[in-house]
Amino acid sequence: MAGRRAALKAVDWVAFAERVPPNQRTMFNTLKTRSDALAAKLTSLPEKPVTIDWTYYRSAVVKAGMVEEFEKKFTALKVPEPVDTQSALINSQEAEADAAAAAYMEGSKARIAQYRQQLEKFHNMIPFDQMTIEDLNDTFPETKLDKQKYPYWPHKPIADL
């Protein structure tokens, strides 16, 4: 039992409590109380069950063969333990989430570098009230007028009227 206890993952209740919204605080407290009660009950159990003193029962029980029959049935009894089928799936999902988070972090670092370049561009540019049209077009090329696409801007051609 102690080997199984060591294999269980401990819950970080402090980190868990930080993520609980205020409207769900009572449900969180109930969950923690139940979890603590179950953990205390589990730790109070002995690692191995108490052995049965069959010789005492053979001397105390009058009916012949009854204790031997119970002992035979008791030793033949095997309680099946549930097979853990979800841990591998959870571990693979955790690995996928870690990989996705690492990829997102790398993408975020690239975006931060790009935003810092844009910010540096804004810090180094001429103030808007001192810019000429040429300075504006050099700083922001997307504002430059395309004479091929709009040859009559800001006026419409007479054919379009």
N, C-alpha and C. Protein backbone atom coordinates (compact mmCIF):
# COMPACT_ATOMS: atom_id res chain seq x y z
N MET A 1 0.82 -1.18 0.00
CA MET A 1 0.00 0.00 0.00
C MET A 1 0.87 1.25 0.00
N ALA A 2 1.98 1.21 0.74
CA ALA A 2 2.86 2.38 0.80
C ALA A 2 3.49 2.64 -0.56
N GLY A 3 3.76 1.57 -1.31
CA GLY A 3 4.32 1.74 -2.65
C GLY A 3 3.34 2.45 -3.56
N ARG A 4 2.08 2.11 -3.41
CA ARG A 4 1.06 2.78 -4.21
C ARG A 4 0.90 4.22 -3.77
N ARG A 5 1.00 4.46 -2.46
CA ARG A 5 0.87 5.82 -1.96
C ARG A 5 1.97 6.71 -2.49
N ALA A 6 3.17 6.15 -2.59
CA ALA A 6 4.30 6.94 -3.08
C ALA A 6 4.13 7.26 -4.56
N ALA A 7 3.44 6.39 -5.27
CA ALA A 7 3.28 6.60 -6.71
C ALA A 7 2.26 7.68 -7.03
N LEU A 8 1.35 7.96 -6.09
CA LEU A 8 0.33 8.97 -6.33
C LEU A 8 0.95 10.36 -6.38
N LYS A 9 0.42 11.20 -7.24
CA LYS A 9 0.91 12.57 -7.33
C LYS A 9 0.24 13.41 -6.24
N ALA A 10 1.02 14.21 -5.60
CA ALA A 10 0.47 15.09 -4.57
C ALA A 10 -0.14 16.31 -5.23
N VAL A 11 -1.25 16.78 -4.69
CA VAL A 11 -1.93 17.95 -5.23
C VAL A 11 -1.35 19.19 -4.57
N ASP A 12 -0.99 20.16 -5.38
CA ASP A 12 -0.51 21.43 -4.85
C ASP A 12 -1.73 22.31 -4.59
N TRP A 13 -2.23 22.25 -3.37
CA TRP A 13 -3.48 22.93 -3.03
C TRP A 13 -3.34 24.44 -3.08
N VAL A 14 -2.16 24.96 -2.80
CA VAL A 14 -1.97 26.42 -2.83
C VAL A 14 -2.10 26.93 -4.26
N ALA A 15 -1.42 26.24 -5.20
CA ALA A 15 -1.52 26.65 -6.60
C ALA A 15 -2.93 26.44 -7.13
N PHE A 16 -3.57 25.38 -6.67
CA PHE A 16 -4.95 25.10 -7.08
C PHE A 16 -5.87 26.20 -6.57
N ALA A 17 -5.68 26.63 -5.32
CA ALA A 17 -6.55 27.65 -4.72
C ALA A 17 -6.39 28.99 -5.42
N GLU A 18 -5.21 29.28 -5.95
CA GLU A 18 -4.99 30.55 -6.66
C GLU A 18 -5.82 30.63 -7.93
N ARG A 19 -6.14 29.48 -8.52
CA ARG A 19 -6.85 29.46 -9.79
C ARG A 19 -8.36 29.32 -9.64
N VAL A 20 -8.83 29.19 -8.41
CA VAL A 20 -10.27 29.01 -8.17
C VAL A 20 -10.94 30.38 -8.13
N PRO A 21 -11.97 30.58 -8.95
CA PRO A 21 -12.69 31.85 -8.92
C PRO A 21 -13.43 32.02 -7.59
N PRO A 22 -13.70 33.25 -7.19
CA PRO A 22 -14.36 33.48 -5.89
C PRO A 22 -15.74 32.82 -5.78
N ASN A 23 -16.47 32.73 -6.87
CA ASN A 23 -17.81 32.15 -6.80
C ASN A 23 -17.77 30.63 -6.64
N GLN A 24 -16.60 29.99 -6.81
CA GLN A 24 -16.48 28.55 -6.66
C GLN A 24 -15.64 28.17 -5.45
N ARG A 25 -15.39 29.12 -4.57
CA ARG A 25 -14.54 28.88 -3.40
C ARG A 25 -15.15 27.84 -2.47
N THR A 26 -16.47 27.85 -2.28
CA THR A 26 -17.09 26.86 -1.38
C THR A 26 -16.96 25.45 -1.94
N MET A 27 -17.12 25.29 -3.26
CA MET A 27 -16.95 23.97 -3.87
C MET A 27 -15.50 23.50 -3.71
N PHE A 28 -14.55 24.41 -3.85
CA PHE A 28 -13.14 24.06 -3.68
C PHE A 28 -12.88 23.61 -2.25
N ASN A 29 -13.41 24.35 -1.27
CA ASN A 29 -13.21 23.98 0.13
C ASN A 29 -13.81 22.62 0.44
N THR A 30 -14.98 22.32 -0.14
CA THR A 30 -15.61 21.02 0.05
C THR A 30 -14.74 19.91 -0.55
N LEU A 31 -14.22 20.15 -1.74
CA LEU A 31 -13.36 19.17 -2.39
C LEU A 31 -12.11 18.91 -1.56
N LYS A 32 -11.49 19.97 -1.06
CA LYS A 32 -10.27 19.82 -0.27
C LYS A 32 -10.55 19.07 1.02
N THR A 33 -11.68 19.37 1.67
CA THR A 33 -12.04 18.68 2.90
C THR A 33 -12.24 17.20 2.67
N ARG A 34 -12.97 16.86 1.61
CA ARG A 34 -13.20 15.44 1.28
C ARG A 34 -11.91 14.75 0.92
N SER A 35 -11.06 15.42 0.16
CA SER A 35 -9.78 14.84 -0.23
C SER A 35 -8.90 14.59 1.00
N ASP A 36 -8.85 15.55 1.90
CA ASP A 36 -8.05 15.39 3.11
C ASP A 36 -8.59 14.25 3.98
N ALA A 37 -9.92 14.13 4.05
CA ALA A 37 -10.52 13.06 4.85
C ALA A 37 -10.19 11.69 4.25
N LEU A 38 -10.28 11.58 2.93
CA LEU A 38 -9.95 10.30 2.28
C LEU A 38 -8.47 9.97 2.42
N ALA A 39 -7.62 10.99 2.30
CA ALA A 39 -6.18 10.75 2.45
C ALA A 39 -5.85 10.32 3.87
N ALA A 40 -6.49 10.94 4.86
CA ALA A 40 -6.25 10.56 6.26
C ALA A 40 -6.72 9.13 6.51
N LYS A 41 -7.87 8.78 5.95
CA LYS A 41 -8.38 7.43 6.13
C LYS A 41 -7.45 6.41 5.45
N LEU A 42 -6.94 6.74 4.28
CA LEU A 42 -6.05 5.85 3.55
C LEU A 42 -4.74 5.66 4.31
N THR A 43 -4.20 6.72 4.87
CA THR A 43 -2.94 6.60 5.61
C THR A 43 -3.12 5.87 6.93
N SER A 44 -4.33 5.87 7.49
CA SER A 44 -4.56 5.17 8.76
C SER A 44 -4.64 3.66 8.57
N LEU A 45 -4.89 3.20 7.35
CA LEU A 45 -4.98 1.77 7.10
C LEU A 45 -3.58 1.14 7.14
N PRO A 46 -3.48 -0.10 7.62
CA PRO A 46 -2.17 -0.75 7.62
C PRO A 46 -1.76 -1.12 6.20
N GLU A 47 -0.46 -1.29 6.03
CA GLU A 47 0.04 -1.62 4.70
C GLU A 47 -0.42 -3.01 4.27
N LYS A 48 -0.37 -3.95 5.20
CA LYS A 48 -0.85 -5.31 4.93
C LYS A 48 -2.01 -5.60 5.88
N PRO A 49 -3.03 -6.33 5.42
CA PRO A 49 -4.14 -6.65 6.32
C PRO A 49 -3.67 -7.56 7.46
N VAL A 50 -4.41 -7.52 8.53
CA VAL A 50 -4.09 -8.34 9.69
C VAL A 50 -4.23 -9.81 9.32
N THR A 51 -3.25 -10.63 9.69
CA THR A 51 -3.32 -12.06 9.37
C THR A 51 -4.30 -12.74 10.32
N ILE A 52 -4.96 -13.73 9.80
CA ILE A 52 -5.96 -14.46 10.56
C ILE A 52 -5.27 -15.64 11.26
N ASP A 53 -5.54 -15.80 12.54
CA ASP A 53 -4.97 -16.89 13.33
C ASP A 53 -5.88 -18.11 13.18
N TRP A 54 -5.61 -18.93 12.17
CA TRP A 54 -6.47 -20.07 11.87
C TRP A 54 -6.38 -21.14 12.95
N THR A 55 -5.25 -21.24 13.63
CA THR A 55 -5.13 -22.28 14.68
C THR A 55 -6.07 -21.96 15.85
N TYR A 56 -6.23 -20.69 16.16
CA TYR A 56 -7.15 -20.32 17.23
C TYR A 56 -8.58 -20.71 16.86
N TYR A 57 -8.95 -20.42 15.61
CA TYR A 57 -10.32 -20.75 15.20
C TYR A 57 -10.55 -22.26 15.12
N ARG A 58 -9.51 -23.03 14.76
CA ARG A 58 -9.66 -24.49 14.72
C ARG A 58 -9.95 -25.03 16.13
N SER A 59 -9.30 -24.40 17.12
CA SER A 59 -9.52 -24.89 18.50
C SER A 59 -10.84 -24.36 19.08
N ALA A 60 -11.31 -23.20 18.60
CA ALA A 60 -12.51 -22.60 19.17
C ALA A 60 -13.80 -23.06 18.51
N VAL A 61 -13.75 -23.37 17.21
CA VAL A 61 -14.97 -23.76 16.48
C VAL A 61 -15.18 -25.26 16.65
N VAL A 62 -16.40 -25.63 17.00
CA VAL A 62 -16.72 -27.02 17.30
C VAL A 62 -16.92 -27.84 16.03
N LYS A 63 -17.55 -27.26 15.05
CA LYS A 63 -17.89 -28.01 13.84
C LYS A 63 -16.61 -28.34 13.07
N ALA A 64 -16.40 -29.60 12.79
CA ALA A 64 -15.18 -30.06 12.12
C ALA A 64 -15.22 -29.69 10.64
N GLY A 65 -14.10 -29.25 10.11
CA GLY A 65 -13.97 -28.93 8.69
C GLY A 65 -14.44 -27.55 8.31
N MET A 66 -15.13 -26.86 9.18
CA MET A 66 -15.64 -25.53 8.85
C MET A 66 -14.52 -24.50 8.72
N VAL A 67 -13.56 -24.52 9.61
CA VAL A 67 -12.45 -23.56 9.56
C VAL A 67 -11.57 -23.85 8.36
N GLU A 68 -11.32 -25.12 8.06
CA GLU A 68 -10.51 -25.48 6.89
C GLU A 68 -11.18 -25.01 5.60
N GLU A 69 -12.51 -25.16 5.57
CA GLU A 69 -13.27 -24.71 4.39
C GLU A 69 -13.16 -23.19 4.23
N PHE A 70 -13.31 -22.46 5.35
CA PHE A 70 -13.18 -20.99 5.29
C PHE A 70 -11.76 -20.57 4.90
N GLU A 71 -10.77 -21.30 5.47
CA GLU A 71 -9.38 -20.96 5.15
C GLU A 71 -9.09 -21.20 3.67
N LYS A 72 -9.61 -22.30 3.15
CA LYS A 72 -9.41 -22.63 1.74
C LYS A 72 -10.07 -21.57 0.84
N LYS A 73 -11.29 -21.18 1.19
CA LYS A 73 -12.00 -20.16 0.40
C LYS A 73 -11.31 -18.79 0.54
N PHE A 74 -10.83 -18.50 1.74
CA PHE A 74 -10.17 -17.20 1.97
C PHE A 74 -8.87 -17.09 1.19
N THR A 75 -8.09 -18.17 1.16
CA THR A 75 -6.83 -18.12 0.41
C THR A 75 -7.08 -18.12 -1.09
N ALA A 76 -8.19 -18.70 -1.54
CA ALA A 76 -8.51 -18.72 -2.97
C ALA A 76 -9.08 -17.39 -3.44
N LEU A 77 -9.55 -16.59 -2.49
CA LEU A 77 -10.18 -15.32 -2.85
C LEU A 77 -9.12 -14.32 -3.31
N LYS A 78 -9.29 -13.81 -4.47
CA LYS A 78 -8.40 -12.76 -5.01
C LYS A 78 -9.27 -11.58 -5.41
N VAL A 79 -9.04 -10.46 -4.75
CA VAL A 79 -9.79 -9.25 -5.06
C VAL A 79 -9.10 -8.56 -6.22
N PRO A 80 -9.79 -8.39 -7.33
CA PRO A 80 -9.13 -7.75 -8.48
C PRO A 80 -8.92 -6.25 -8.23
N GLU A 81 -7.75 -5.80 -8.57
CA GLU A 81 -7.46 -4.36 -8.48
C GLU A 81 -7.72 -3.74 -9.84
N PRO A 82 -8.27 -2.57 -9.87
CA PRO A 82 -8.55 -1.94 -11.16
C PRO A 82 -7.25 -1.63 -11.90
N VAL A 83 -7.31 -1.80 -13.20
CA VAL A 83 -6.14 -1.54 -14.04
C VAL A 83 -6.13 -0.06 -14.40
N ASP A 84 -4.98 0.54 -14.27
CA ASP A 84 -4.84 1.96 -14.60
C ASP A 84 -4.73 2.11 -16.11
N THR A 85 -5.80 2.59 -16.73
CA THR A 85 -5.81 2.75 -18.18
C THR A 85 -5.67 4.21 -18.60
N GLN A 86 -5.76 5.13 -17.66
CA GLN A 86 -5.80 6.54 -18.01
C GLN A 86 -4.48 7.28 -17.79
N SER A 87 -3.59 6.75 -16.99
CA SER A 87 -2.35 7.47 -16.68
C SER A 87 -1.51 7.71 -17.93
N ALA A 88 -1.40 6.71 -18.80
CA ALA A 88 -0.62 6.89 -20.02
C ALA A 88 -1.25 7.96 -20.91
N LEU A 89 -2.57 7.96 -21.00
CA LEU A 89 -3.27 8.96 -21.80
C LEU A 89 -3.06 10.35 -21.22
N ILE A 90 -3.16 10.46 -19.90
CA ILE A 90 -2.97 11.75 -19.25
C ILE A 90 -1.54 12.23 -19.43
N ASN A 91 -0.57 11.33 -19.29
CA ASN A 91 0.83 11.71 -19.47
C ASN A 91 1.11 12.16 -20.90
N SER A 92 0.49 11.49 -21.88
CA SER A 92 0.69 11.92 -23.27
C SER A 92 0.04 13.28 -23.52
N GLN A 93 -1.15 13.50 -22.94
CA GLN A 93 -1.79 14.81 -23.08
C GLN A 93 -0.98 15.90 -22.40
N GLU A 94 -0.38 15.56 -21.27
CA GLU A 94 0.46 16.53 -20.57
C GLU A 94 1.70 16.87 -21.40
N ALA A 95 2.29 15.86 -22.04
CA ALA A 95 3.45 16.11 -22.90
C ALA A 95 3.05 16.97 -24.10
N GLU A 96 1.89 16.68 -24.69
CA GLU A 96 1.40 17.49 -25.82
C GLU A 96 1.15 18.93 -25.38
N ALA A 97 0.56 19.11 -24.21
CA ALA A 97 0.29 20.46 -23.70
C ALA A 97 1.60 21.19 -23.43
N ASP A 98 2.59 20.49 -22.89
CA ASP A 98 3.89 21.12 -22.65
C ASP A 98 4.54 21.53 -23.96
N ALA A 99 4.44 20.68 -24.98
CA ALA A 99 5.01 21.01 -26.29
C ALA A 99 4.27 22.20 -26.91
N ALA A 100 2.94 22.22 -26.79
CA ALA A 100 2.17 23.34 -27.33
C ALA A 100 2.49 24.63 -26.59
N ALA A 101 2.66 24.55 -25.27
CA ALA A 101 3.01 25.74 -24.49
C ALA A 101 4.40 26.25 -24.87
N ALA A 102 5.34 25.32 -25.08
CA ALA A 102 6.70 25.73 -25.48
C ALA A 102 6.67 26.39 -26.86
N ALA A 103 5.88 25.83 -27.78
CA ALA A 103 5.77 26.43 -29.12
C ALA A 103 5.13 27.81 -29.03
N TYR A 104 4.11 27.95 -28.19
CA TYR A 104 3.46 29.24 -28.02
C TYR A 104 4.43 30.26 -27.42
N MET A 105 5.25 29.81 -26.47
CA MET A 105 6.24 30.70 -25.87
C MET A 105 7.25 31.18 -26.91
N GLU A 106 7.70 30.27 -27.77
CA GLU A 106 8.65 30.66 -28.82
C GLU A 106 8.00 31.64 -29.79
N GLY A 107 6.76 31.38 -30.17
CA GLY A 107 6.04 32.31 -31.04
C GLY A 107 5.84 33.66 -30.37
N SER A 108 5.55 33.64 -29.08
CA SER A 108 5.37 34.89 -28.33
C SER A 108 6.66 35.68 -28.28
N LYS A 109 7.77 34.99 -28.10
CA LYS A 109 9.07 35.68 -28.08
C LYS A 109 9.35 36.34 -29.43
N ALA A 110 8.99 35.64 -30.52
CA ALA A 110 9.18 36.22 -31.85
C ALA A 110 8.27 37.44 -32.04
N ARG A 111 7.02 37.34 -31.58
CA ARG A 111 6.11 38.48 -31.69
C ARG A 111 6.58 39.66 -30.84
N ILE A 112 7.11 39.37 -29.67
CA ILE A 112 7.62 40.44 -28.80
C ILE A 112 8.78 41.15 -29.48
N ALA A 113 9.67 40.39 -30.12
CA ALA A 113 10.79 41.01 -30.83
C ALA A 113 10.28 41.89 -31.97
N GLN A 114 9.27 41.40 -32.69
CA GLN A 114 8.69 42.18 -33.79
C GLN A 114 8.04 43.46 -33.25
N TYR A 115 7.31 43.36 -32.15
CA TYR A 115 6.66 44.53 -31.57
C TYR A 115 7.68 45.52 -31.03
N ARG A 116 8.78 45.02 -30.51
CA ARG A 116 9.83 45.93 -30.02
C ARG A 116 10.46 46.70 -31.18
N GLN A 117 10.62 46.03 -32.32
CA GLN A 117 11.13 46.73 -33.51
C GLN A 117 10.15 47.83 -33.94
N GLN A 118 8.87 47.51 -33.95
CA GLN A 118 7.88 48.53 -34.31
C GLN A 118 7.88 49.67 -33.31
N LEU A 119 8.00 49.36 -32.03
CA LEU A 119 8.04 50.39 -31.01
C LEU A 119 9.27 51.27 -31.16
N GLU A 120 10.40 50.65 -31.48
CA GLU A 120 11.62 51.42 -31.72
C GLU A 120 11.45 52.34 -32.92
N LYS A 121 10.75 51.84 -33.95
CA LYS A 121 10.47 52.66 -35.13
C LYS A 121 9.62 53.87 -34.73
N PHE A 122 8.62 53.67 -33.89
CA PHE A 122 7.77 54.77 -33.47
C PHE A 122 8.51 55.76 -32.59
N HIS A 123 9.43 55.27 -31.76
CA HIS A 123 10.22 56.17 -30.91
C HIS A 123 11.18 57.03 -31.73
N ASN A 124 11.69 56.46 -32.82
CA ASN A 124 12.70 57.16 -33.61
C ASN A 124 12.13 58.01 -34.74
N MET A 125 10.84 57.95 -35.00
CA MET A 125 10.29 58.69 -36.14
C MET A 125 10.07 60.17 -35.78
N ILE A 126 9.93 60.94 -36.80
CA ILE A 126 9.67 62.37 -36.64
C ILE A 126 8.26 62.53 -36.09
N PRO A 127 8.01 63.47 -35.18
CA PRO A 127 6.64 63.67 -34.68
C PRO A 127 5.69 63.99 -35.84
N PHE A 128 4.44 63.55 -35.70
CA PHE A 128 3.47 63.72 -36.79
C PHE A 128 3.28 65.18 -37.19
N ASP A 129 3.28 66.07 -36.22
CA ASP A 129 3.04 67.48 -36.56
C ASP A 129 4.20 68.11 -37.32
N GLN A 130 5.36 67.43 -37.39
CA GLN A 130 6.51 67.95 -38.13
C GLN A 130 6.78 67.18 -39.42
N MET A 131 5.95 66.18 -39.72
CA MET A 131 6.16 65.34 -40.91
C MET A 131 5.64 66.00 -42.17
N THR A 132 6.35 65.71 -43.24
CA THR A 132 5.84 66.06 -44.56
C THR A 132 5.18 64.81 -45.13
N ILE A 133 4.55 64.94 -46.27
CA ILE A 133 3.91 63.78 -46.91
C ILE A 133 4.97 62.74 -47.27
N GLU A 134 6.14 63.19 -47.72
CA GLU A 134 7.21 62.25 -48.07
C GLU A 134 7.71 61.50 -46.84
N ASP A 135 7.83 62.24 -45.70
CA ASP A 135 8.25 61.56 -44.46
C ASP A 135 7.21 60.53 -44.03
N LEU A 136 5.95 60.87 -44.16
CA LEU A 136 4.88 59.94 -43.82
C LEU A 136 4.93 58.70 -44.70
N ASN A 137 5.12 58.89 -46.00
CA ASN A 137 5.19 57.77 -46.93
C ASN A 137 6.44 56.92 -46.69
N ASP A 138 7.54 57.54 -46.27
CA ASP A 138 8.75 56.76 -45.97
C ASP A 138 8.58 55.95 -44.68
N THR A 139 7.96 56.56 -43.69
CA THR A 139 7.79 55.88 -42.41
C THR A 139 6.70 54.81 -42.49
N PHE A 140 5.60 55.12 -43.15
CA PHE A 140 4.49 54.18 -43.30
C PHE A 140 4.22 53.98 -44.79
N PRO A 141 4.90 53.01 -45.43
CA PRO A 141 4.75 52.82 -46.88
C PRO A 141 3.33 52.46 -47.30
N GLU A 142 2.52 51.92 -46.41
CA GLU A 142 1.15 51.55 -46.77
C GLU A 142 0.27 52.77 -47.02
N THR A 143 0.71 53.97 -46.60
CA THR A 143 -0.08 55.18 -46.83
C THR A 143 0.23 55.84 -48.17
N LYS A 144 1.24 55.34 -48.85
CA LYS A 144 1.65 55.96 -50.11
C LYS A 144 0.57 55.74 -51.16
N LEU A 145 0.26 56.77 -51.89
CA LEU A 145 -0.79 56.73 -52.91
C LEU A 145 -0.31 55.95 -54.12
N ASP A 146 -1.12 55.01 -54.58
CA ASP A 146 -0.81 54.21 -55.75
C ASP A 146 -1.41 54.89 -56.97
N LYS A 147 -0.57 55.56 -57.75
CA LYS A 147 -1.05 56.31 -58.92
C LYS A 147 -1.54 55.38 -60.03
N GLN A 148 -1.05 54.14 -60.05
CA GLN A 148 -1.51 53.21 -61.07
C GLN A 148 -2.93 52.73 -60.77
N LYS A 149 -3.21 52.47 -59.52
CA LYS A 149 -4.52 51.98 -59.14
C LYS A 149 -5.54 53.11 -59.02
N TYR A 150 -5.12 54.25 -58.48
CA TYR A 150 -6.01 55.40 -58.29
C TYR A 150 -5.39 56.63 -58.96
N PRO A 151 -5.49 56.75 -60.27
CA PRO A 151 -4.81 57.86 -60.95
C PRO A 151 -5.48 59.22 -60.71
N TYR A 152 -6.74 59.26 -60.32
CA TYR A 152 -7.45 60.53 -60.17
C TYR A 152 -7.73 60.88 -58.72
N TRP A 153 -7.10 60.18 -57.79
CA TRP A 153 -7.39 60.42 -56.37
C TRP A 153 -7.06 61.85 -56.01
N PRO A 154 -7.85 62.51 -55.24
CA PRO A 154 -9.06 62.18 -54.51
C PRO A 154 -10.33 62.32 -55.35
N HIS A 155 -10.20 62.58 -56.64
CA HIS A 155 -11.39 62.77 -57.47
C HIS A 155 -11.67 61.49 -58.26
N LYS A 156 -12.93 61.28 -58.57
CA LYS A 156 -13.31 60.14 -59.38
C LYS A 156 -13.23 60.53 -60.86
N PRO A 157 -12.92 59.57 -61.68
CA PRO A 157 -12.91 59.87 -63.12
C PRO A 157 -14.34 60.23 -63.58
N ILE A 158 -14.41 61.01 -64.63
CA ILE A 158 -15.71 61.45 -65.14
C ILE A 158 -16.53 60.27 -65.64
N ALA A 159 -15.88 59.25 -66.12
CA ALA A 159 -16.58 58.07 -66.63
C ALA A 159 -17.33 57.34 -65.50
N ASP A 160 -16.83 57.43 -64.25
CA ASP A 160 -17.48 56.74 -63.14
C ASP A 160 -18.66 57.52 -62.58
N LEU A 161 -18.82 58.78 -62.95
CA LEU A 161 -19.92 59.58 -62.41
C LEU A 161 -21.14 59.27 -63.11
